[in-house]
Amino acid sequence: MRTEIRSKHTDFHVSHVFTDGTDPESLRYDIKSAALQFIPAEDLEKKLRKVYKICSLRAKFHLGHL
């Protein structure tokens, strides 16, 4: 069995998740490379801080704290 994964924002096909992993309870993922964003290791911390800040602001907005 496989489940299709689509982007929340664009409805773009991103991946499939299969139930035929190496053991009966594991999953196998097939991710489209076009859906990935590769970030150089030296830029990773800066990018993660930016994403965390955006997520925090969105959460505060949705909770009515902004």
C-alpha atoms as a PDB file:
ATOM      1  CA  MET A   1       0.000   0.000   0.000  1.00  0.00           C
ATOM      2  CA  ARG A   2       1.162   3.553  -0.635  1.00  0.00           C
ATOM      3  CA  THR A   3      -0.034   6.931   0.564  1.00  0.00           C
ATOM      4  CA  GLU A   4       0.535  10.067  -1.492  1.00  0.00           C
ATOM      5  CA  ILE A   5       1.988  13.097   0.294  1.00  0.00           C
ATOM      6  CA  ARG A   6       1.113  16.529  -1.123  1.00  0.00           C
ATOM      7  CA  SER A   7       2.311  20.021  -0.208  1.00  0.00           C
ATOM      8  CA  LYS A   8       0.007  21.836   2.198  1.00  0.00           C
ATOM      9  CA  HIS A   9       0.553  25.152   0.425  1.00  0.00           C
ATOM     10  CA  THR A  10       0.631  24.275  -3.281  1.00  0.00           C
ATOM     11  CA  ASP A  11      -1.009  20.821  -3.457  1.00  0.00           C
ATOM     12  CA  PHE A  12       2.166  19.696  -5.297  1.00  0.00           C
ATOM     13  CA  HIS A  13       2.981  15.966  -5.226  1.00  0.00           C
ATOM     14  CA  VAL A  14       5.929  15.596  -2.834  1.00  0.00           C
ATOM     15  CA  SER A  15       6.230  11.938  -1.924  1.00  0.00           C
ATOM     16  CA  HIS A  16       4.779   8.498  -1.398  1.00  0.00           C
ATOM     17  CA  VAL A  17       4.922   6.504   1.822  1.00  0.00           C
ATOM     18  CA  PHE A  18       4.925   2.737   1.365  1.00  0.00           C
ATOM     19  CA  THR A  19       4.163   0.105   3.996  1.00  0.00           C
ATOM     20  CA  ASP A  20       6.688  -2.362   2.567  1.00  0.00           C
ATOM     21  CA  GLY A  21       9.709  -1.372   4.675  1.00  0.00           C
ATOM     22  CA  THR A  22      12.371  -3.767   5.920  1.00  0.00           C
ATOM     23  CA  ASP A  23      10.161  -5.143   8.690  1.00  0.00           C
ATOM     24  CA  PRO A  24       6.351  -5.422   9.030  1.00  0.00           C
ATOM     25  CA  GLU A  25       6.015  -2.187  11.023  1.00  0.00           C
ATOM     26  CA  SER A  26       8.422   0.047   9.087  1.00  0.00           C
ATOM     27  CA  LEU A  27       7.694   2.542   6.348  1.00  0.00           C
ATOM     28  CA  ARG A  28       9.582   3.402   3.163  1.00  0.00           C
ATOM     29  CA  TYR A  29       9.585   6.955   1.794  1.00  0.00           C
ATOM     30  CA  ASP A  30       9.959   8.010  -1.850  1.00  0.00           C
ATOM     31  CA  ILE A  31      10.621  11.774  -1.854  1.00  0.00           C
ATOM     32  CA  LYS A  32      10.722  13.859  -5.038  1.00  0.00           C
ATOM     33  CA  SER A  33      14.056  15.665  -5.224  1.00  0.00           C
ATOM     34  CA  ALA A  34      12.321  18.785  -6.597  1.00  0.00           C
ATOM     35  CA  ALA A  35      10.513  19.054  -3.259  1.00  0.00           C
ATOM     36  CA  LEU A  36      13.765  19.296  -1.298  1.00  0.00           C
ATOM     37  CA  GLN A  37      15.775  22.374  -0.515  1.00  0.00           C
ATOM     38  CA  PHE A  38      19.456  21.644   0.068  1.00  0.00           C
ATOM     39  CA  ILE A  39      21.160  23.997   2.520  1.00  0.00           C
ATOM     40  CA  PRO A  40      24.955  24.169   2.905  1.00  0.00           C
ATOM     41  CA  ALA A  41      26.054  22.989   6.361  1.00  0.00           C
ATOM     42  CA  GLU A  42      27.530  26.396   7.197  1.00  0.00           C
ATOM     43  CA  ASP A  43      24.122  28.057   6.559  1.00  0.00           C
ATOM     44  CA  LEU A  44      21.968  25.475   8.324  1.00  0.00           C
ATOM     45  CA  GLU A  45      21.863  27.060  11.801  1.00  0.00           C
ATOM     46  CA  LYS A  46      20.969  30.480  10.376  1.00  0.00           C
ATOM     47  CA  LYS A  47      18.188  28.954   8.237  1.00  0.00           C
ATOM     48  CA  LEU A  48      16.773  26.946  11.148  1.00  0.00           C
ATOM     49  CA  ARG A  49      16.690  30.038  13.366  1.00  0.00           C
ATOM     50  CA  LYS A  50      14.770  31.918  10.656  1.00  0.00           C
ATOM     51  CA  VAL A  51      12.258  29.073  10.211  1.00  0.00           C
ATOM     52  CA  TYR A  52      11.825  28.773  14.007  1.00  0.00           C
ATOM     53  CA  LYS A  53      11.179  32.530  14.279  1.00  0.00           C
ATOM     54  CA  ILE A  54       8.563  32.405  11.497  1.00  0.00           C
ATOM     55  CA  CYS A  55       6.830  29.399  13.087  1.00  0.00           C
ATOM     56  CA  SER A  56       6.833  31.087  16.503  1.00  0.00           C
ATOM     57  CA  LEU A  57       5.296  34.267  15.078  1.00  0.00           C
ATOM     58  CA  ARG A  58       2.609  32.284  13.250  1.00  0.00           C
ATOM     59  CA  ALA A  59       1.758  30.354  16.417  1.00  0.00           C
ATOM     60  CA  LYS A  60       1.474  33.574  18.428  1.00  0.00           C
ATOM     61  CA  PHE A  61      -0.727  35.107  15.722  1.00  0.00           C
ATOM     62  CA  HIS A  62      -3.045  32.078  15.621  1.00  0.00           C
ATOM     63  CA  LEU A  63      -3.263  32.039  19.415  1.00  0.00           C
ATOM     64  CA  GLY A  64      -4.165  35.744  19.427  1.00  0.00           C
ATOM     65  CA  HIS A  65      -0.973  36.926  21.136  1.00  0.00           C
ATOM     66  CA  LEU A  66      -0.052  39.398  18.368  1.00  0.00           C
END
